[in-house]
Amino acid sequence: MDRISALRNIEDALSEFEAGEADLAATERRVRGVLRTYATSFEEQDAYRASGEGTVDGLVVLAPSPKAARERLRELVSDPDPFDVERVDR
């Protein structure tokens, strides 16, 4: 999915929410699905999810390797607790 398609899908989800055709939970799921599809479509990078304690748990980043993913997560979260990363299946 390219960026324009992702933005259109998100705009459609927001329009349905504003028109009362979808509730907040459904809109959040749809937008999250669009974002995940978009994020995992990059050829040169993979999506990695952190698991551990504190604020880093559950965060997902794009990176070319697990090591790069750990570095990006450390940059995003100041003073993270110990954590592991695993590749998110496409």
N, C-alpha and C. Protein backbone atom coordinates (compact mmCIF):
# COMPACT_ATOMS: atom_id res chain seq x y z
N MET A 1 0.85 -1.17 0.00
CA MET A 1 0.00 0.00 0.00
C MET A 1 0.89 1.23 0.00
N ASP A 2 0.64 2.15 -0.93
CA ASP A 2 1.43 3.37 -0.96
C ASP A 2 0.83 4.42 -0.02
N ARG A 3 1.56 5.48 0.16
CA ARG A 3 1.16 6.52 1.11
C ARG A 3 -0.20 7.14 0.76
N ILE A 4 -0.43 7.41 -0.52
CA ILE A 4 -1.69 8.03 -0.94
C ILE A 4 -2.87 7.11 -0.64
N SER A 5 -2.72 5.82 -0.91
CA SER A 5 -3.79 4.86 -0.61
C SER A 5 -4.06 4.79 0.89
N ALA A 6 -2.98 4.80 1.67
CA ALA A 6 -3.14 4.76 3.13
C ALA A 6 -3.90 5.99 3.62
N LEU A 7 -3.53 7.15 3.12
CA LEU A 7 -4.20 8.38 3.53
C LEU A 7 -5.67 8.39 3.11
N ARG A 8 -5.96 7.88 1.93
CA ARG A 8 -7.35 7.81 1.48
C ARG A 8 -8.16 6.87 2.37
N ASN A 9 -7.58 5.74 2.71
CA ASN A 9 -8.28 4.79 3.58
C ASN A 9 -8.53 5.38 4.96
N ILE A 10 -7.57 6.11 5.48
CA ILE A 10 -7.75 6.75 6.78
C ILE A 10 -8.81 7.85 6.68
N GLU A 11 -8.78 8.62 5.60
CA GLU A 11 -9.79 9.66 5.39
C GLU A 11 -11.18 9.04 5.31
N ASP A 12 -11.32 7.90 4.61
CA ASP A 12 -12.61 7.21 4.54
C ASP A 12 -13.09 6.79 5.92
N ALA A 13 -12.18 6.26 6.72
CA ALA A 13 -12.53 5.83 8.08
C ALA A 13 -12.99 7.01 8.92
N LEU A 14 -12.29 8.13 8.82
CA LEU A 14 -12.68 9.33 9.58
C LEU A 14 -14.01 9.88 9.10
N SER A 15 -14.25 9.85 7.81
CA SER A 15 -15.52 10.34 7.27
C SER A 15 -16.69 9.50 7.79
N GLU A 16 -16.51 8.18 7.82
CA GLU A 16 -17.55 7.31 8.34
C GLU A 16 -17.79 7.57 9.82
N PHE A 17 -16.73 7.83 10.57
CA PHE A 17 -16.87 8.15 11.98
C PHE A 17 -17.65 9.46 12.16
N GLU A 18 -17.26 10.47 11.40
CA GLU A 18 -17.92 11.77 11.50
C GLU A 18 -19.39 11.70 11.11
N ALA A 19 -19.73 10.82 10.18
CA ALA A 19 -21.11 10.68 9.71
C ALA A 19 -21.94 9.78 10.63
N GLY A 20 -21.30 9.22 11.65
CA GLY A 20 -22.01 8.35 12.58
C GLY A 20 -22.20 6.94 12.05
N GLU A 21 -21.47 6.58 10.99
CA GLU A 21 -21.58 5.26 10.40
C GLU A 21 -20.65 4.25 11.05
N ALA A 22 -19.76 4.72 11.90
CA ALA A 22 -18.82 3.85 12.61
C ALA A 22 -18.56 4.45 13.98
N ASP A 23 -18.35 3.59 14.98
CA ASP A 23 -18.02 4.09 16.31
C ASP A 23 -16.51 4.26 16.44
N LEU A 24 -16.09 4.81 17.56
CA LEU A 24 -14.67 5.10 17.76
C LEU A 24 -13.83 3.83 17.73
N ALA A 25 -14.28 2.78 18.39
CA ALA A 25 -13.49 1.53 18.43
C ALA A 25 -13.29 0.97 17.03
N ALA A 26 -14.34 0.95 16.22
CA ALA A 26 -14.23 0.44 14.85
C ALA A 26 -13.30 1.32 14.02
N THR A 27 -13.39 2.62 14.22
CA THR A 27 -12.52 3.55 13.49
C THR A 27 -11.07 3.34 13.88
N GLU A 28 -10.81 3.17 15.17
CA GLU A 28 -9.44 2.92 15.62
C GLU A 28 -8.89 1.63 15.02
N ARG A 29 -9.70 0.57 15.01
CA ARG A 29 -9.25 -0.71 14.43
C ARG A 29 -8.93 -0.55 12.95
N ARG A 30 -9.79 0.16 12.24
CA ARG A 30 -9.58 0.34 10.81
C ARG A 30 -8.32 1.16 10.54
N VAL A 31 -8.13 2.25 11.26
CA VAL A 31 -6.94 3.08 11.06
C VAL A 31 -5.68 2.30 11.45
N ARG A 32 -5.74 1.55 12.53
CA ARG A 32 -4.61 0.72 12.94
C ARG A 32 -4.28 -0.30 11.86
N GLY A 33 -5.30 -0.91 11.27
CA GLY A 33 -5.08 -1.88 10.19
C GLY A 33 -4.43 -1.25 8.97
N VAL A 34 -4.89 -0.05 8.61
CA VAL A 34 -4.28 0.66 7.49
C VAL A 34 -2.83 0.95 7.78
N LEU A 35 -2.55 1.45 8.97
CA LEU A 35 -1.18 1.79 9.33
C LEU A 35 -0.28 0.55 9.33
N ARG A 36 -0.77 -0.54 9.86
CA ARG A 36 0.04 -1.77 9.88
C ARG A 36 0.30 -2.28 8.47
N THR A 37 -0.71 -2.23 7.62
CA THR A 37 -0.52 -2.65 6.23
C THR A 37 0.50 -1.76 5.55
N TYR A 38 0.38 -0.46 5.75
CA TYR A 38 1.32 0.49 5.16
C TYR A 38 2.74 0.25 5.69
N ALA A 39 2.87 0.11 6.99
CA ALA A 39 4.19 -0.03 7.61
C ALA A 39 4.90 -1.31 7.20
N THR A 40 4.16 -2.37 6.98
CA THR A 40 4.81 -3.64 6.64
C THR A 40 4.98 -3.82 5.14
N SER A 41 4.68 -2.80 4.35
CA SER A 41 4.85 -2.91 2.90
C SER A 41 6.22 -2.46 2.43
N PHE A 42 7.05 -1.98 3.33
CA PHE A 42 8.38 -1.56 2.94
C PHE A 42 9.26 -2.77 2.66
N GLU A 43 9.89 -2.78 1.49
CA GLU A 43 10.71 -3.92 1.08
C GLU A 43 12.02 -4.03 1.86
N GLU A 44 12.67 -2.90 2.09
CA GLU A 44 14.01 -2.92 2.67
C GLU A 44 14.04 -2.94 4.19
N GLN A 45 12.88 -2.86 4.82
CA GLN A 45 12.82 -2.85 6.27
C GLN A 45 11.73 -3.79 6.75
N ASP A 46 11.89 -4.27 7.96
CA ASP A 46 10.88 -5.11 8.59
C ASP A 46 10.31 -4.37 9.79
N ALA A 47 9.15 -4.79 10.21
CA ALA A 47 8.54 -4.25 11.42
C ALA A 47 8.96 -5.11 12.60
N TYR A 48 9.35 -4.48 13.69
CA TYR A 48 9.77 -5.18 14.91
C TYR A 48 8.95 -4.67 16.08
N ARG A 49 8.48 -5.60 16.91
CA ARG A 49 7.70 -5.25 18.10
C ARG A 49 8.55 -5.51 19.34
N ALA A 50 8.51 -4.54 20.26
CA ALA A 50 9.24 -4.69 21.52
C ALA A 50 8.37 -5.40 22.54
N SER A 51 9.00 -6.22 23.35
CA SER A 51 8.31 -6.83 24.49
C SER A 51 9.20 -6.67 25.71
N GLY A 52 8.59 -6.26 26.80
CA GLY A 52 9.35 -6.04 28.02
C GLY A 52 8.50 -5.27 29.01
N GLU A 53 9.16 -4.60 29.90
CA GLU A 53 8.48 -3.84 30.94
C GLU A 53 8.37 -2.38 30.52
N GLY A 54 7.42 -1.70 31.09
CA GLY A 54 7.31 -0.26 30.93
C GLY A 54 6.79 0.20 29.58
N THR A 55 7.16 1.41 29.22
CA THR A 55 6.59 2.06 28.04
C THR A 55 7.03 1.47 26.72
N VAL A 56 8.11 0.74 26.70
CA VAL A 56 8.60 0.17 25.43
C VAL A 56 7.75 -1.03 24.99
N ASP A 57 7.07 -1.68 25.92
CA ASP A 57 6.31 -2.89 25.61
C ASP A 57 5.23 -2.61 24.57
N GLY A 58 5.26 -3.37 23.48
CA GLY A 58 4.25 -3.26 22.44
C GLY A 58 4.55 -2.26 21.34
N LEU A 59 5.58 -1.44 21.50
CA LEU A 59 5.92 -0.48 20.46
C LEU A 59 6.44 -1.21 19.23
N VAL A 60 6.11 -0.70 18.05
CA VAL A 60 6.54 -1.29 16.80
C VAL A 60 7.31 -0.24 16.00
N VAL A 61 8.46 -0.62 15.46
CA VAL A 61 9.27 0.26 14.63
C VAL A 61 9.67 -0.47 13.35
N LEU A 62 10.01 0.29 12.33
CA LEU A 62 10.57 -0.26 11.12
C LEU A 62 12.08 -0.17 11.19
N ALA A 63 12.75 -1.25 10.80
CA ALA A 63 14.20 -1.27 10.85
C ALA A 63 14.73 -2.37 9.92
N PRO A 64 15.97 -2.23 9.47
CA PRO A 64 16.55 -3.26 8.61
C PRO A 64 17.04 -4.50 9.35
N SER A 65 17.13 -4.41 10.69
CA SER A 65 17.63 -5.54 11.47
C SER A 65 17.13 -5.42 12.92
N PRO A 66 17.19 -6.54 13.68
CA PRO A 66 16.81 -6.46 15.09
C PRO A 66 17.68 -5.46 15.87
N LYS A 67 18.96 -5.42 15.56
CA LYS A 67 19.85 -4.48 16.25
C LYS A 67 19.42 -3.04 16.00
N ALA A 68 19.12 -2.72 14.75
CA ALA A 68 18.68 -1.36 14.40
C ALA A 68 17.33 -1.06 15.07
N ALA A 69 16.48 -2.07 15.17
CA ALA A 69 15.18 -1.87 15.83
C ALA A 69 15.39 -1.52 17.30
N ARG A 70 16.30 -2.22 17.97
CA ARG A 70 16.58 -1.91 19.39
C ARG A 70 17.07 -0.47 19.55
N GLU A 71 17.96 -0.06 18.62
CA GLU A 71 18.50 1.30 18.69
C GLU A 71 17.39 2.34 18.50
N ARG A 72 16.50 2.09 17.54
CA ARG A 72 15.40 3.03 17.31
C ARG A 72 14.47 3.10 18.51
N LEU A 73 14.21 1.96 19.12
CA LEU A 73 13.33 1.94 20.30
C LEU A 73 13.97 2.69 21.46
N ARG A 74 15.28 2.52 21.64
CA ARG A 74 15.98 3.25 22.71
C ARG A 74 15.92 4.76 22.48
N GLU A 75 15.94 5.18 21.20
CA GLU A 75 15.82 6.60 20.89
C GLU A 75 14.42 7.13 21.17
N LEU A 76 13.41 6.29 20.97
CA LEU A 76 12.02 6.72 21.17
C LEU A 76 11.63 6.80 22.64
N VAL A 77 12.19 5.91 23.45
CA VAL A 77 11.80 5.83 24.86
C VAL A 77 13.00 6.18 25.72
N SER A 78 12.88 7.25 26.46
CA SER A 78 13.99 7.62 27.32
C SER A 78 14.13 6.61 28.46
N ASP A 79 15.31 6.11 28.64
CA ASP A 79 15.64 5.17 29.71
C ASP A 79 14.68 3.96 29.76
N PRO A 80 14.61 3.19 28.65
CA PRO A 80 13.69 2.03 28.65
C PRO A 80 14.19 0.92 29.56
N ASP A 81 13.24 0.18 30.12
CA ASP A 81 13.58 -1.03 30.85
C ASP A 81 14.10 -2.06 29.84
N PRO A 82 14.76 -3.12 30.31
CA PRO A 82 15.23 -4.15 29.39
C PRO A 82 14.06 -4.68 28.53
N PHE A 83 14.36 -4.96 27.25
CA PHE A 83 13.32 -5.44 26.35
C PHE A 83 13.93 -6.32 25.26
N ASP A 84 13.07 -7.09 24.63
CA ASP A 84 13.44 -7.89 23.47
C ASP A 84 12.67 -7.36 22.26
N VAL A 85 13.12 -7.73 21.07
CA VAL A 85 12.37 -7.38 19.85
C VAL A 85 12.12 -8.65 19.06
N GLU A 86 10.98 -8.67 18.38
CA GLU A 86 10.69 -9.77 17.47
C GLU A 86 10.09 -9.21 16.20
N ARG A 87 10.40 -9.85 15.10
CA ARG A 87 9.90 -9.41 13.80
C ARG A 87 8.39 -9.66 13.75
N VAL A 88 7.66 -8.68 13.24
CA VAL A 88 6.23 -8.80 13.06
C VAL A 88 5.99 -9.43 11.70
N ASP A 89 5.22 -10.50 11.66
CA ASP A 89 4.93 -11.15 10.38
C ASP A 89 4.14 -10.24 9.49
N ARG A 90 4.44 -10.32 8.22
CA ARG A 90 3.73 -9.51 7.22
C ARG A 90 2.45 -10.16 6.84
